[in-house]
Amino acid sequence: MPALIPTDHFATITWLGLVPDREAGLRAQAHDKLTLGFAGPQGEDHGGLTRPSCSRVLSQHPRGTVIRNTRQLCVMSAEEIVAIAAKIGIETLDPVYMGASMVIEGIADFTHVPPSSRLQGPSGMTIVIDMENRPCVLPAREIEADMPGRGAAFKAAAKGRRGVTAWVEREGEVQLGERLRLHIPDQRPWAPGMI
């Protein structure tokens, strides 16, 4: 019996990008298509099968511990980016500032889809959503560099709208305009104490 349910929720890819060098900054470079391997998007500095642990998992691992890389991609919602821009007080917010790998349009409340959900393309390429991507100061620095006085507002504006981290389950290419289908786990919400 399948553990994942194909939904009637579809998203269109509106933006693709890569962060070539995290040491230089979080700023991504836009691309028309990406090749996704098991280690993540080719050319993405967040790629790899493993990664050093970061602030997301400090309750489980000391910073820098080698762990499985479930943060190969940063997937954001075009609708949520519009909401972040409005909160910051700017007309538009370019995904390059946030180190996005992919921006999609069409799935409401995207940042809060269940962990372990899948986005699958027509070729079968599949990415697995790990968890909500919490806002941090790195995008704020990128925004501030180009729009002085606006970066400090990013963290609060992006709370609950920062998208998700994801990893590649099935390799393949993705390109602008491609349609992805959302698959969600067939599981009731967690209810401690329920038998």
Protein backbone atom coordinates (compact mmCIF):
# COMPACT_ATOMS: atom_id res chain seq x y z
CA MET A 1 0.00 0.00 0.00
CA PRO A 2 1.56 3.35 -1.02
CA ALA A 3 2.63 5.61 1.85
CA LEU A 4 2.50 8.79 -0.27
CA ILE A 5 -0.63 10.28 -1.80
CA PRO A 6 -0.48 12.15 -5.12
CA THR A 7 -2.50 15.34 -4.61
CA ASP A 8 -4.30 17.64 -7.01
CA HIS A 9 -1.90 20.43 -6.02
CA PHE A 10 0.54 21.44 -8.75
CA ALA A 11 3.22 24.11 -8.89
CA THR A 12 5.00 25.78 -11.77
CA ILE A 13 8.74 26.49 -11.53
CA THR A 14 9.19 30.25 -11.95
CA TRP A 15 12.86 30.59 -10.97
CA LEU A 16 15.95 28.35 -10.64
CA GLY A 17 19.34 29.15 -9.19
CA LEU A 18 22.59 27.98 -7.63
CA VAL A 19 24.76 29.31 -4.82
CA PRO A 20 28.28 28.82 -6.24
CA ASP A 21 30.28 29.77 -3.11
CA ARG A 22 28.75 30.01 0.38
CA GLU A 23 31.97 31.49 1.76
CA ALA A 24 31.56 34.47 -0.59
CA GLY A 25 27.88 34.88 0.35
CA LEU A 26 24.43 33.41 0.03
CA ARG A 27 23.65 35.17 -3.27
CA ALA A 28 22.42 32.72 -5.92
CA GLN A 29 22.89 32.88 -9.68
CA ALA A 30 19.79 32.43 -11.87
CA HIS A 31 19.60 29.50 -14.34
CA ASP A 32 17.07 28.27 -16.91
CA LYS A 33 17.50 24.63 -15.86
CA LEU A 34 19.25 22.55 -13.22
CA THR A 35 20.60 19.01 -13.28
CA LEU A 36 19.72 17.29 -10.01
CA GLY A 37 21.84 14.34 -8.92
CA PHE A 38 21.70 12.39 -5.69
CA ALA A 39 24.16 14.93 -4.24
CA GLY A 40 21.87 17.84 -5.20
CA PRO A 41 21.97 20.39 -8.01
CA GLN A 42 25.22 20.27 -10.02
CA GLY A 43 27.27 23.36 -9.15
CA GLU A 44 25.42 24.08 -5.88
CA ASP A 45 27.71 24.74 -2.91
CA HIS A 46 25.00 23.37 -0.56
CA GLY A 47 25.21 20.06 -2.47
CA GLY A 48 26.78 16.80 -1.38
CA LEU A 49 25.60 13.58 0.21
CA THR A 50 26.77 14.81 3.61
CA ARG A 51 27.25 18.24 5.19
CA PRO A 52 28.53 19.77 8.41
CA SER A 53 25.70 20.27 10.91
CA CYS A 54 24.47 23.83 11.40
CA SER A 55 22.13 25.80 13.67
CA ARG A 56 19.08 23.82 12.42
CA VAL A 57 20.21 20.70 14.27
CA LEU A 58 22.23 22.00 17.24
CA SER A 59 19.89 20.18 19.64
CA GLN A 60 20.98 16.89 18.03
CA HIS A 61 24.59 17.43 16.89
CA PRO A 62 27.47 19.75 17.79
CA ARG A 63 28.09 22.35 15.06
CA GLY A 64 30.28 20.93 12.30
CA THR A 65 29.39 17.25 12.84
CA VAL A 66 29.19 15.38 9.52
CA ILE A 67 25.56 14.40 8.88
CA ARG A 68 23.38 13.35 5.91
CA ASN A 69 22.66 16.34 3.67
CA THR A 70 18.92 16.97 3.64
CA ARG A 71 19.52 20.65 2.78
CA GLN A 72 20.62 20.23 -0.85
CA LEU A 73 17.97 22.66 -2.10
CA CYS A 74 16.10 25.71 -0.84
CA VAL A 75 12.62 25.74 -2.40
CA MET A 76 10.51 28.87 -2.00
CA SER A 77 7.03 29.99 -2.99
CA ALA A 78 6.55 32.93 -5.35
CA GLU A 79 3.45 33.92 -3.39
CA GLU A 80 5.36 33.91 -0.08
CA ILE A 81 8.22 35.94 -1.61
CA VAL A 82 5.65 38.60 -2.60
CA ALA A 83 4.41 38.64 1.02
CA ILE A 84 7.98 39.00 2.36
CA ALA A 85 8.66 41.91 -0.02
CA ALA A 86 5.48 43.67 1.11
CA LYS A 87 6.47 43.28 4.78
CA ILE A 88 9.94 44.68 4.06
CA GLY A 89 8.37 47.57 2.17
CA ILE A 90 9.80 46.90 -1.28
CA GLU A 91 8.05 46.25 -4.58
CA THR A 92 9.83 43.00 -5.50
CA LEU A 93 12.33 40.67 -3.85
CA ASP A 94 14.73 38.79 -6.11
CA PRO A 95 15.27 35.12 -5.08
CA VAL A 96 19.03 35.61 -5.58
CA TYR A 97 19.20 37.33 -2.18
CA MET A 98 17.86 34.28 -0.36
CA GLY A 99 20.06 31.63 -1.92
CA ALA A 100 17.03 29.93 -3.45
CA SER A 101 17.46 26.84 -5.63
CA MET A 102 13.89 26.84 -6.89
CA VAL A 103 10.88 29.13 -6.71
CA ILE A 104 7.47 27.61 -7.41
CA GLU A 105 4.03 29.12 -7.83
CA GLY A 106 0.65 27.57 -7.16
CA ILE A 107 0.77 25.74 -3.80
CA ALA A 108 -0.84 27.75 -1.00
CA ASP A 109 0.93 27.90 2.40
CA PHE A 110 3.88 26.11 0.80
CA THR A 111 6.33 26.62 3.69
CA HIS A 112 4.07 24.43 5.84
CA VAL A 113 3.50 21.40 3.62
CA PRO A 114 4.18 18.23 5.65
CA PRO A 115 7.81 17.13 5.99
CA SER A 116 8.57 14.13 3.75
CA SER A 117 6.22 15.44 1.04
CA ARG A 118 7.50 15.11 -2.51
CA LEU A 119 7.54 17.41 -5.51
CA GLN A 120 7.70 15.34 -8.69
CA GLY A 121 8.27 16.50 -12.26
CA PRO A 122 6.95 14.96 -15.47
CA SER A 123 10.23 13.07 -16.02
CA GLY A 124 9.91 11.41 -12.60
CA MET A 125 12.53 13.70 -11.02
CA THR A 126 11.58 13.89 -7.35
CA ILE A 127 12.70 16.02 -4.43
CA VAL A 128 11.81 15.33 -0.79
CA ILE A 129 10.88 18.16 1.54
CA ASP A 130 12.85 17.91 4.76
CA MET A 131 11.61 20.82 6.86
CA GLU A 132 10.77 24.50 7.02
CA ASN A 133 13.74 26.70 6.17
CA ARG A 134 13.97 29.15 9.06
CA PRO A 135 14.84 32.78 8.28
CA CYS A 136 18.38 33.82 9.16
CA VAL A 137 20.66 36.85 8.82
CA LEU A 138 22.41 35.68 5.64
CA PRO A 139 19.67 36.84 3.22
CA ALA A 140 19.40 40.06 5.25
CA ARG A 141 23.06 40.81 4.50
CA GLU A 142 22.54 40.27 0.76
CA ILE A 143 19.44 42.51 0.74
CA GLU A 144 21.16 45.19 2.79
CA ALA A 145 24.11 45.31 0.39
CA ASP A 146 21.81 46.40 -2.48
CA MET A 147 18.98 48.07 -0.55
CA PRO A 148 20.43 49.81 2.51
CA GLY A 149 17.98 49.98 5.39
CA ARG A 150 15.83 47.05 4.18
CA GLY A 151 17.86 43.97 5.13
CA ALA A 152 17.19 44.15 8.88
CA ALA A 153 13.46 43.61 8.27
CA PHE A 154 13.97 40.31 6.41
CA LYS A 155 14.09 37.86 9.32
CA ALA A 156 10.76 38.94 10.84
CA ALA A 157 9.11 39.36 7.42
CA ALA A 158 10.18 35.87 6.31
CA LYS A 159 9.03 34.04 9.45
CA GLY A 160 6.74 31.22 8.28
CA ARG A 161 7.40 32.16 4.62
CA ARG A 162 11.04 31.13 4.03
CA GLY A 163 10.22 27.97 2.09
CA VAL A 164 11.64 24.52 2.74
CA THR A 165 14.87 22.60 2.56
CA ALA A 166 14.84 19.54 0.34
CA TRP A 167 16.97 16.72 -1.06
CA VAL A 168 16.98 14.71 -4.28
CA GLU A 169 15.22 11.34 -4.19
CA ARG A 170 15.24 10.70 -7.96
CA GLU A 171 17.70 12.34 -10.30
CA GLY A 172 16.72 14.40 -13.33
CA GLU A 173 16.60 17.84 -14.86
CA VAL A 174 14.24 20.67 -13.96
CA GLN A 175 13.60 23.76 -16.04
CA LEU A 176 11.67 27.00 -15.90
CA GLY A 177 7.97 26.58 -16.61
CA GLU A 178 7.94 22.90 -15.62
CA ARG A 179 4.98 21.67 -13.58
CA LEU A 180 5.54 19.73 -10.35
CA ARG A 181 2.98 17.63 -8.48
CA LEU A 182 2.79 17.56 -4.69
CA HIS A 183 2.66 14.14 -2.99
CA ILE A 184 2.03 14.04 0.77
CA PRO A 185 2.51 11.32 3.40
CA ASP A 186 -0.58 9.21 4.16
CA GLN A 187 -0.36 9.89 7.88
CA ARG A 188 -2.61 11.51 10.46
CA PRO A 189 -1.19 14.45 12.47
CA TRP A 190 0.93 13.45 15.46
CA ALA A 191 -1.12 13.13 18.65
CA PRO A 192 1.01 12.12 21.67
CA GLY A 193 -0.89 9.96 24.13
CA MET A 194 -3.24 8.59 21.48
CA ILE A 195 -3.26 4.81 21.16
